[in-house]
Amino acid sequence: APAVVFNDEQAAAETLAALELRPRMIVGCLYSQDERLFATYH
């Protein structure tokens, strides 16, 4: 949430990167309030 508010895409991407610890997780997508794709994990 703070990364989205302060437009810190790198911090948001690092947050989603924690999903690597879950091998069954396929994709994680973070969107901003204007529905813009903000950060992803694949």
All heavy atoms as atom14 arrays in JSON, in Angstrom:
{
  "sequence": "APAVVFNDEQAAAETLAALELRPRMIVGCLYSQDERLFATYH",
  "atom14_mask": [
    [1, 1, 1, 1, 1, 0, 0, 0, 0, 0, 0, 0, 0, 0],
    [1, 1, 1, 1, 1, 1, 1, 0, 0, 0, 0, 0, 0, 0],
    [1, 1, 1, 1, 1, 0, 0, 0, 0, 0, 0, 0, 0, 0],
    [1, 1, 1, 1, 1, 1, 1, 0, 0, 0, 0, 0, 0, 0],
    [1, 1, 1, 1, 1, 1, 1, 0, 0, 0, 0, 0, 0, 0],
    [1, 1, 1, 1, 1, 1, 1, 1, 1, 1, 1, 0, 0, 0],
    [1, 1, 1, 1, 1, 1, 1, 1, 0, 0, 0, 0, 0, 0],
    [1, 1, 1, 1, 1, 1, 1, 1, 0, 0, 0, 0, 0, 0],
    [1, 1, 1, 1, 1, 1, 1, 1, 1, 0, 0, 0, 0, 0],
    [1, 1, 1, 1, 1, 1, 1, 1, 1, 0, 0, 0, 0, 0],
    [1, 1, 1, 1, 1, 0, 0, 0, 0, 0, 0, 0, 0, 0],
    [1, 1, 1, 1, 1, 0, 0, 0, 0, 0, 0, 0, 0, 0],
    [1, 1, 1, 1, 1, 0, 0, 0, 0, 0, 0, 0, 0, 0],
    [1, 1, 1, 1, 1, 1, 1, 1, 1, 0, 0, 0, 0, 0],
    [1, 1, 1, 1, 1, 1, 1, 0, 0, 0, 0, 0, 0, 0],
    [1, 1, 1, 1, 1, 1, 1, 1, 0, 0, 0, 0, 0, 0],
    [1, 1, 1, 1, 1, 0, 0, 0, 0, 0, 0, 0, 0, 0],
    [1, 1, 1, 1, 1, 0, 0, 0, 0, 0, 0, 0, 0, 0],
    [1, 1, 1, 1, 1, 1, 1, 1, 0, 0, 0, 0, 0, 0],
    [1, 1, 1, 1, 1, 1, 1, 1, 1, 0, 0, 0, 0, 0],
    [1, 1, 1, 1, 1, 1, 1, 1, 0, 0, 0, 0, 0, 0],
    [1, 1, 1, 1, 1, 1, 1, 1, 1, 1, 1, 0, 0, 0],
    [1, 1, 1, 1, 1, 1, 1, 0, 0, 0, 0, 0, 0, 0],
    [1, 1, 1, 1, 1, 1, 1, 1, 1, 1, 1, 0, 0, 0],
    [1, 1, 1, 1, 1, 1, 1, 1, 0, 0, 0, 0, 0, 0],
    [1, 1, 1, 1, 1, 1, 1, 1, 0, 0, 0, 0, 0, 0],
    [1, 1, 1, 1, 1, 1, 1, 0, 0, 0, 0, 0, 0, 0],
    [1, 1, 1, 1, 0, 0, 0, 0, 0, 0, 0, 0, 0, 0],
    [1, 1, 1, 1, 1, 1, 0, 0, 0, 0, 0, 0, 0, 0],
    [1, 1, 1, 1, 1, 1, 1, 1, 0, 0, 0, 0, 0, 0],
    [1, 1, 1, 1, 1, 1, 1, 1, 1, 1, 1, 1, 0, 0],
    [1, 1, 1, 1, 1, 1, 0, 0, 0, 0, 0, 0, 0, 0],
    [1, 1, 1, 1, 1, 1, 1, 1, 1, 0, 0, 0, 0, 0],
    [1, 1, 1, 1, 1, 1, 1, 1, 0, 0, 0, 0, 0, 0],
    [1, 1, 1, 1, 1, 1, 1, 1, 1, 0, 0, 0, 0, 0],
    [1, 1, 1, 1, 1, 1, 1, 1, 1, 1, 1, 0, 0, 0],
    [1, 1, 1, 1, 1, 1, 1, 1, 0, 0, 0, 0, 0, 0],
    [1, 1, 1, 1, 1, 1, 1, 1, 1, 1, 1, 0, 0, 0],
    [1, 1, 1, 1, 1, 0, 0, 0, 0, 0, 0, 0, 0, 0],
    [1, 1, 1, 1, 1, 1, 1, 0, 0, 0, 0, 0, 0, 0],
    [1, 1, 1, 1, 1, 1, 1, 1, 1, 1, 1, 1, 0, 0],
    [1, 1, 1, 1, 1, 1, 1, 1, 1, 1, 0, 0, 0, 0]
  ],
  "atom14_positions": [
    [[0.81, -1.22, 0.0], [0.0, 0.0, 0.0], [0.84, 1.27, 0.0], [0.6, 2.18, -0.82], [-0.96, -0.01, 1.19], [0.0, 0.0, 0.0], [0.0, 0.0, 0.0], [0.0, 0.0, 0.0], [0.0, 0.0, 0.0], [0.0, 0.0, 0.0], [0.0, 0.0, 0.0], [0.0, 0.0, 0.0], [0.0, 0.0, 0.0], [0.0, 0.0, 0.0]],
    [[1.86, 1.41, 0.89], [2.67, 2.64, 0.83], [3.4, 2.8, -0.49], [3.54, 3.94, -0.98], [3.66, 2.45, 1.99], [3.01, 1.46, 2.9], [2.25, 0.55, 2.02], [0.0, 0.0, 0.0], [0.0, 0.0, 0.0], [0.0, 0.0, 0.0], [0.0, 0.0, 0.0], [0.0, 0.0, 0.0], [0.0, 0.0, 0.0], [0.0, 0.0, 0.0]],
    [[3.83, 1.69, -1.1], [4.53, 1.78, -2.38], [3.6, 2.31, -3.47], [4.02, 3.1, -4.33], [5.07, 0.4, -2.77], [0.0, 0.0, 0.0], [0.0, 0.0, 0.0], [0.0, 0.0, 0.0], [0.0, 0.0, 0.0], [0.0, 0.0, 0.0], [0.0, 0.0, 0.0], [0.0, 0.0, 0.0], [0.0, 0.0, 0.0], [0.0, 0.0, 0.0]],
    [[2.34, 1.91, -3.43], [1.39, 2.41, -4.43], [1.12, 3.89, -4.19], [1.07, 4.69, -5.14], [0.08, 1.58, -4.37], [-0.96, 2.18, -5.32], [0.35, 0.13, -4.73], [0.0, 0.0, 0.0], [0.0, 0.0, 0.0], [0.0, 0.0, 0.0], [0.0, 0.0, 0.0], [0.0, 0.0, 0.0], [0.0, 0.0, 0.0], [0.0, 0.0, 0.0]],
    [[0.95, 4.28, -2.95], [0.65, 5.68, -2.63], [1.78, 6.6, -3.06], [1.55, 7.67, -3.65], [0.37, 5.82, -1.12], [0.25, 7.3, -0.74], [-0.91, 5.08, -0.75], [0.0, 0.0, 0.0], [0.0, 0.0, 0.0], [0.0, 0.0, 0.0], [0.0, 0.0, 0.0], [0.0, 0.0, 0.0], [0.0, 0.0, 0.0], [0.0, 0.0, 0.0]],
    [[3.01, 6.17, -2.8], [4.17, 7.01, -3.11], [4.8, 6.67, -4.46], [5.92, 7.1, -4.76], [5.22, 6.88, -2.0], [4.75, 7.39, -0.67], [4.38, 6.51, 0.33], [4.63, 8.76, -0.43], [3.94, 6.96, 1.56], [4.19, 9.22, 0.8], [3.84, 8.32, 1.8], [0.0, 0.0, 0.0], [0.0, 0.0, 0.0], [0.0, 0.0, 0.0]],
    [[4.07, 5.89, -5.26], [4.48, 5.58, -6.63], [5.88, 4.94, -6.69], [6.68, 5.26, -7.56], [4.45, 6.85, -7.49], [4.38, 6.53, -8.98], [3.84, 5.49, -9.36], [4.95, 7.38, -9.8], [0.0, 0.0, 0.0], [0.0, 0.0, 0.0], [0.0, 0.0, 0.0], [0.0, 0.0, 0.0], [0.0, 0.0, 0.0], [0.0, 0.0, 0.0]],
    [[6.13, 4.04, -5.77], [7.43, 3.35, -5.71], [7.26, 1.95, -6.32], [6.95, 0.98, -5.63], [7.9, 3.26, -4.26], [9.35, 2.79, -4.16], [9.87, 2.23, -5.15], [9.96, 2.97, -3.08], [0.0, 0.0, 0.0], [0.0, 0.0, 0.0], [0.0, 0.0, 0.0], [0.0, 0.0, 0.0], [0.0, 0.0, 0.0], [0.0, 0.0, 0.0]],
    [[7.45, 1.84, -7.62], [7.23, 0.58, -8.31], [8.26, -0.48, -7.9], [7.94, -1.67, -7.85], [7.28, 0.81, -9.83], [6.15, 1.69, -10.34], [6.17, 1.81, -11.86], [7.07, 1.19, -12.49], [5.3, 2.5, -12.41], [0.0, 0.0, 0.0], [0.0, 0.0, 0.0], [0.0, 0.0, 0.0], [0.0, 0.0, 0.0], [0.0, 0.0, 0.0]],
    [[9.47, -0.06, -7.61], [10.5, -1.03, -7.22], [10.14, -1.7, -5.89], [10.26, -2.92, -5.74], [11.86, -0.34, -7.12], [12.98, -1.31, -6.74], [14.34, -0.64, -6.71], [14.48, 0.54, -7.03], [15.36, -1.39, -6.31], [0.0, 0.0, 0.0], [0.0, 0.0, 0.0], [0.0, 0.0, 0.0], [0.0, 0.0, 0.0], [0.0, 0.0, 0.0]],
    [[9.7, -0.9, -4.94], [9.31, -1.46, -3.64], [8.12, -2.4, -3.8], [8.05, -3.46, -3.16], [8.99, -0.34, -2.67], [0.0, 0.0, 0.0], [0.0, 0.0, 0.0], [0.0, 0.0, 0.0], [0.0, 0.0, 0.0], [0.0, 0.0, 0.0], [0.0, 0.0, 0.0], [0.0, 0.0, 0.0], [0.0, 0.0, 0.0], [0.0, 0.0, 0.0]],
    [[7.18, -2.04, -4.66], [6.03, -2.9, -4.89], [6.45, -4.22, -5.53], [5.96, -5.29, -5.17], [5.0, -2.19, -5.76], [0.0, 0.0, 0.0], [0.0, 0.0, 0.0], [0.0, 0.0, 0.0], [0.0, 0.0, 0.0], [0.0, 0.0, 0.0], [0.0, 0.0, 0.0], [0.0, 0.0, 0.0], [0.0, 0.0, 0.0], [0.0, 0.0, 0.0]],
    [[7.38, -4.15, -6.5], [7.86, -5.36, -7.15], [8.6, -6.26, -6.16], [8.47, -7.49, -6.2], [8.78, -5.0, -8.31], [0.0, 0.0, 0.0], [0.0, 0.0, 0.0], [0.0, 0.0, 0.0], [0.0, 0.0, 0.0], [0.0, 0.0, 0.0], [0.0, 0.0, 0.0], [0.0, 0.0, 0.0], [0.0, 0.0, 0.0], [0.0, 0.0, 0.0]],
    [[9.36, -5.66, -5.24], [10.06, -6.45, -4.23], [9.07, -7.11, -3.28], [9.3, -8.24, -2.81], [11.02, -5.55, -3.45], [12.2, -5.06, -4.29], [13.08, -4.07, -3.53], [12.69, -3.7, -2.39], [14.13, -3.67, -4.06], [0.0, 0.0, 0.0], [0.0, 0.0, 0.0], [0.0, 0.0, 0.0], [0.0, 0.0, 0.0], [0.0, 0.0, 0.0]],
    [[7.97, -6.44, -3.01], [6.94, -7.04, -2.15], [6.32, -8.25, -2.83], [6.14, -9.31, -2.21], [5.86, -6.0, -1.83], [6.45, -4.89, -1.14], [4.77, -6.62, -0.95], [0.0, 0.0, 0.0], [0.0, 0.0, 0.0], [0.0, 0.0, 0.0], [0.0, 0.0, 0.0], [0.0, 0.0, 0.0], [0.0, 0.0, 0.0], [0.0, 0.0, 0.0]],
    [[6.0, -8.12, -4.11], [5.42, -9.25, -4.83], [6.42, -10.37, -5.04], [6.04, -11.54, -5.2], [4.87, -8.79, -6.18], [3.61, -7.93, -6.16], [3.19, -7.59, -7.59], [2.48, -8.65, -5.44], [0.0, 0.0, 0.0], [0.0, 0.0, 0.0], [0.0, 0.0, 0.0], [0.0, 0.0, 0.0], [0.0, 0.0, 0.0], [0.0, 0.0, 0.0]],
    [[7.71, -10.06, -5.06], [8.74, -11.08, -5.27], [8.75, -12.12, -4.15], [9.25, -13.23, -4.32], [10.12, -10.43, -5.38], [0.0, 0.0, 0.0], [0.0, 0.0, 0.0], [0.0, 0.0, 0.0], [0.0, 0.0, 0.0], [0.0, 0.0, 0.0], [0.0, 0.0, 0.0], [0.0, 0.0, 0.0], [0.0, 0.0, 0.0], [0.0, 0.0, 0.0]],
    [[8.16, -11.76, -3.0], [8.07, -12.73, -1.9], [7.21, -13.93, -2.26], [7.29, -14.98, -1.62], [7.51, -12.04, -0.65], [0.0, 0.0, 0.0], [0.0, 0.0, 0.0], [0.0, 0.0, 0.0], [0.0, 0.0, 0.0], [0.0, 0.0, 0.0], [0.0, 0.0, 0.0], [0.0, 0.0, 0.0], [0.0, 0.0, 0.0], [0.0, 0.0, 0.0]],
    [[6.42, -13.8, -3.32], [5.59, -14.93, -3.76], [6.44, -16.08, -4.31], [5.91, -17.19, -4.5], [4.6, -14.47, -4.83], [3.53, -13.48, -4.36], [2.7, -12.99, -5.55], [2.63, -14.13, -3.32], [0.0, 0.0, 0.0], [0.0, 0.0, 0.0], [0.0, 0.0, 0.0], [0.0, 0.0, 0.0], [0.0, 0.0, 0.0], [0.0, 0.0, 0.0]],
    [[7.7, -15.84, -4.59], [8.58, -16.91, -5.04], [8.68, -18.02, -4.0], [9.0, -19.17, -4.33], [9.97, -16.36, -5.35], [10.03, -15.42, -6.54], [11.44, -14.91, -6.8], [12.34, -15.28, -6.01], [11.62, -14.16, -7.76], [0.0, 0.0, 0.0], [0.0, 0.0, 0.0], [0.0, 0.0, 0.0], [0.0, 0.0, 0.0], [0.0, 0.0, 0.0]],
    [[8.43, -17.67, -2.73], [8.48, -18.67, -1.67], [7.29, -19.62, -1.73], [7.27, -20.62, -1.01], [8.52, -17.97, -0.3], [9.71, -17.03, -0.07], [9.58, -16.34, 1.28], [11.03, -17.8, -0.15], [0.0, 0.0, 0.0], [0.0, 0.0, 0.0], [0.0, 0.0, 0.0], [0.0, 0.0, 0.0], [0.0, 0.0, 0.0], [0.0, 0.0, 0.0]],
    [[6.31, -19.29, -2.56], [5.13, -20.14, -2.73], [5.16, -20.72, -4.15], [4.71, -20.07, -5.09], [3.85, -19.35, -2.5], [3.68, -18.8, -1.1], [3.46, -19.94, -0.1], [3.06, -19.47, 1.21], [3.9, -19.11, 2.17], [5.21, -19.17, 1.94], [3.46, -18.71, 3.35], [0.0, 0.0, 0.0], [0.0, 0.0, 0.0], [0.0, 0.0, 0.0]],
    [[5.7, -21.93, -4.34], [5.87, -22.47, -5.69], [4.56, -22.71, -6.43], [4.57, -22.84, -7.65], [6.62, -23.78, -5.45], [6.33, -24.16, -4.04], [6.2, -22.85, -3.3], [0.0, 0.0, 0.0], [0.0, 0.0, 0.0], [0.0, 0.0, 0.0], [0.0, 0.0, 0.0], [0.0, 0.0, 0.0], [0.0, 0.0, 0.0], [0.0, 0.0, 0.0]],
    [[3.44, -22.77, -5.73], [2.16, -22.99, -6.4], [1.52, -21.69, -6.88], [0.52, -21.73, -7.58], [1.18, -23.7, -5.45], [1.69, -25.01, -4.9], [1.71, -26.09, -5.94], [2.17, -27.36, -5.39], [2.24, -28.49, -6.07], [1.85, -28.51, -7.33], [2.68, -29.59, -5.51], [0.0, 0.0, 0.0], [0.0, 0.0, 0.0], [0.0, 0.0, 0.0]],
    [[2.09, -20.57, -6.48], [1.53, -19.28, -6.9], [1.92, -19.02, -8.35], [3.1, -19.02, -8.72], [2.06, -18.17, -6.0], [1.31, -16.87, -6.14], [-0.42, -16.98, -5.63], [-0.23, -17.3, -3.87], [0.0, 0.0, 0.0], [0.0, 0.0, 0.0], [0.0, 0.0, 0.0], [0.0, 0.0, 0.0], [0.0, 0.0, 0.0], [0.0, 0.0, 0.0]],
    [[0.92, -18.78, -9.2], [1.17, -18.62, -10.63], [1.5, -17.18, -10.97], [2.49, -16.9, -11.66], [-0.06, -19.09, -11.44], [-0.35, -20.57, -11.16], [0.16, -18.86, -12.93], [-1.62, -21.07, -11.81], [0.0, 0.0, 0.0], [0.0, 0.0, 0.0], [0.0, 0.0, 0.0], [0.0, 0.0, 0.0], [0.0, 0.0, 0.0], [0.0, 0.0, 0.0]],
    [[0.68, -16.26, -10.52], [0.87, -14.86, -10.89], [0.32, -13.97, -9.77], [-0.62, -14.33, -9.07], [0.15, -14.55, -12.23], [-1.33, -14.72, -12.1], [0.49, -13.16, -12.74], [0.0, 0.0, 0.0], [0.0, 0.0, 0.0], [0.0, 0.0, 0.0], [0.0, 0.0, 0.0], [0.0, 0.0, 0.0], [0.0, 0.0, 0.0], [0.0, 0.0, 0.0]],
    [[0.95, -12.82, -9.61], [0.49, -11.79, -8.7], [0.55, -10.44, -9.4], [1.57, -10.1, -10.0], [0.0, 0.0, 0.0], [0.0, 0.0, 0.0], [0.0, 0.0, 0.0], [0.0, 0.0, 0.0], [0.0, 0.0, 0.0], [0.0, 0.0, 0.0], [0.0, 0.0, 0.0], [0.0, 0.0, 0.0], [0.0, 0.0, 0.0], [0.0, 0.0, 0.0]],
    [[-0.55, -9.7, -9.35], [-0.63, -8.43, -10.07], [-1.14, -7.34, -9.13], [-2.16, -7.51, -8.46], [-1.58, -8.54, -11.27], [-1.22, -9.95, -12.36], [0.0, 0.0, 0.0], [0.0, 0.0, 0.0], [0.0, 0.0, 0.0], [0.0, 0.0, 0.0], [0.0, 0.0, 0.0], [0.0, 0.0, 0.0], [0.0, 0.0, 0.0], [0.0, 0.0, 0.0]],
    [[-0.42, -6.24, -9.11], [-0.79, -5.1, -8.27], [-1.2, -3.95, -9.18], [-0.45, -3.56, -10.08], [0.39, -4.69, -7.39], [0.14, -3.58, -6.37], [-0.89, -4.02, -5.34], [1.45, -3.21, -5.68], [0.0, 0.0, 0.0], [0.0, 0.0, 0.0], [0.0, 0.0, 0.0], [0.0, 0.0, 0.0], [0.0, 0.0, 0.0], [0.0, 0.0, 0.0]],
    [[-2.4, -3.42, -8.94], [-2.93, -2.33, -9.76], [-3.08, -1.06, -8.92], [-3.38, -1.13, -7.73], [-4.31, -2.71, -10.34], [-4.31, -3.97, -11.17], [-4.57, -5.21, -10.59], [-4.04, -3.91, -12.53], [-4.59, -6.36, -11.36], [-4.04, -5.06, -13.3], [-4.3, -6.29, -12.71], [-4.32, -7.42, -13.47], [0.0, 0.0, 0.0], [0.0, 0.0, 0.0]],
    [[-2.86, 0.07, -9.57], [-3.06, 1.36, -8.91], [-4.54, 1.71, -8.9], [-5.37, 0.98, -9.47], [-2.26, 2.46, -9.61], [-2.69, 2.58, -10.96], [0.0, 0.0, 0.0], [0.0, 0.0, 0.0], [0.0, 0.0, 0.0], [0.0, 0.0, 0.0], [0.0, 0.0, 0.0], [0.0, 0.0, 0.0], [0.0, 0.0, 0.0], [0.0, 0.0, 0.0]],
    [[-4.86, 2.82, -8.28], [-6.28, 3.21, -8.16], [-6.91, 3.49, -9.52], [-8.11, 3.28, -9.71], [-6.4, 4.43, -7.25], [-7.84, 4.75, -6.86], [-7.9, 5.84, -5.8], [-6.92, 6.52, -5.54], [-9.06, 5.99, -5.16], [0.0, 0.0, 0.0], [0.0, 0.0, 0.0], [0.0, 0.0, 0.0], [0.0, 0.0, 0.0], [0.0, 0.0, 0.0]],
    [[-6.1, 3.95, -10.48], [-6.63, 4.22, -11.83], [-6.57, 2.99, -12.72], [-6.59, 3.11, -13.96], [-5.88, 5.39, -12.47], [-4.38, 5.12, -12.55], [-3.94, 4.04, -12.09], [-3.64, 5.98, -13.05], [0.0, 0.0, 0.0], [0.0, 0.0, 0.0], [0.0, 0.0, 0.0], [0.0, 0.0, 0.0], [0.0, 0.0, 0.0], [0.0, 0.0, 0.0]],
    [[-6.45, 1.79, -12.1], [-6.45, 0.49, -12.78], [-5.24, 0.3, -13.68], [-5.28, -0.46, -14.65], [-7.75, 0.29, -13.57], [-8.99, 0.29, -12.69], [-10.24, -0.06, -13.47], [-10.19, -0.04, -14.72], [-11.27, -0.36, -12.83], [0.0, 0.0, 0.0], [0.0, 0.0, 0.0], [0.0, 0.0, 0.0], [0.0, 0.0, 0.0], [0.0, 0.0, 0.0]],
    [[-4.16, 0.98, -13.38], [-2.91, 0.79, -14.12], [-2.12, -0.34, -13.47], [-2.05, -0.45, -12.25], [-2.1, 2.08, -14.11], [-0.73, 1.97, -14.79], [-0.08, 3.35, -14.86], [0.11, 3.92, -13.53], [1.2, 3.73, -12.78], [2.19, 2.94, -13.23], [1.28, 4.3, -11.59], [0.0, 0.0, 0.0], [0.0, 0.0, 0.0], [0.0, 0.0, 0.0]],
    [[-1.54, -1.22, -14.29], [-0.71, -2.31, -13.78], [0.54, -1.73, -13.15], [1.38, -1.14, -13.83], [-0.37, -3.28, -14.9], [0.37, -4.57, -14.49], [-0.47, -5.38, -13.5], [0.7, -5.42, -15.71], [0.0, 0.0, 0.0], [0.0, 0.0, 0.0], [0.0, 0.0, 0.0], [0.0, 0.0, 0.0], [0.0, 0.0, 0.0], [0.0, 0.0, 0.0]],
    [[0.68, -1.89, -11.84], [1.73, -1.21, -11.09], [2.95, -2.12, -10.86], [4.1, -1.68, -10.99], [1.17, -0.75, -9.74], [2.04, 0.25, -9.03], [2.06, 1.57, -9.42], [2.83, -0.15, -7.97], [2.88, 2.49, -8.77], [3.64, 0.75, -7.31], [3.67, 2.08, -7.71], [0.0, 0.0, 0.0], [0.0, 0.0, 0.0], [0.0, 0.0, 0.0]],
    [[2.74, -3.37, -10.51], [3.84, -4.3, -10.28], [3.3, -5.71, -10.5], [2.1, -5.97, -10.33], [4.4, -4.16, -8.87], [0.0, 0.0, 0.0], [0.0, 0.0, 0.0], [0.0, 0.0, 0.0], [0.0, 0.0, 0.0], [0.0, 0.0, 0.0], [0.0, 0.0, 0.0], [0.0, 0.0, 0.0], [0.0, 0.0, 0.0], [0.0, 0.0, 0.0]],
    [[4.22, -6.61, -10.9], [3.79, -7.97, -11.21], [4.79, -9.01, -10.68], [5.96, -8.71, -10.43], [3.66, -8.19, -12.73], [4.95, -8.0, -13.34], [2.66, -7.21, -13.33], [0.0, 0.0, 0.0], [0.0, 0.0, 0.0], [0.0, 0.0, 0.0], [0.0, 0.0, 0.0], [0.0, 0.0, 0.0], [0.0, 0.0, 0.0], [0.0, 0.0, 0.0]],
    [[4.26, -10.2, -10.51], [5.08, -11.39, -10.26], [4.57, -12.5, -11.16], [3.35, -12.75, -11.22], [5.0, -11.85, -8.8], [5.5, -13.27, -8.62], [6.86, -13.56, -8.59], [4.59, -14.34, -8.53], [7.31, -14.86, -8.47], [5.05, -15.64, -8.4], [6.4, -15.89, -8.37], [6.85, -17.19, -8.25], [0.0, 0.0, 0.0], [0.0, 0.0, 0.0]],
    [[5.46, -13.17, -11.89], [5.08, -14.26, -12.77], [5.98, -15.45, -12.48], [7.21, -15.34, -12.52], [5.24, -13.86, -14.25], [4.39, -12.7, -14.66], [3.08, -12.83, -15.07], [4.67, -11.37, -14.72], [2.59, -11.64, -15.37], [3.54, -10.73, -15.15], [0.0, 0.0, 0.0], [0.0, 0.0, 0.0], [0.0, 0.0, 0.0], [0.0, 0.0, 0.0]]
  ]
}
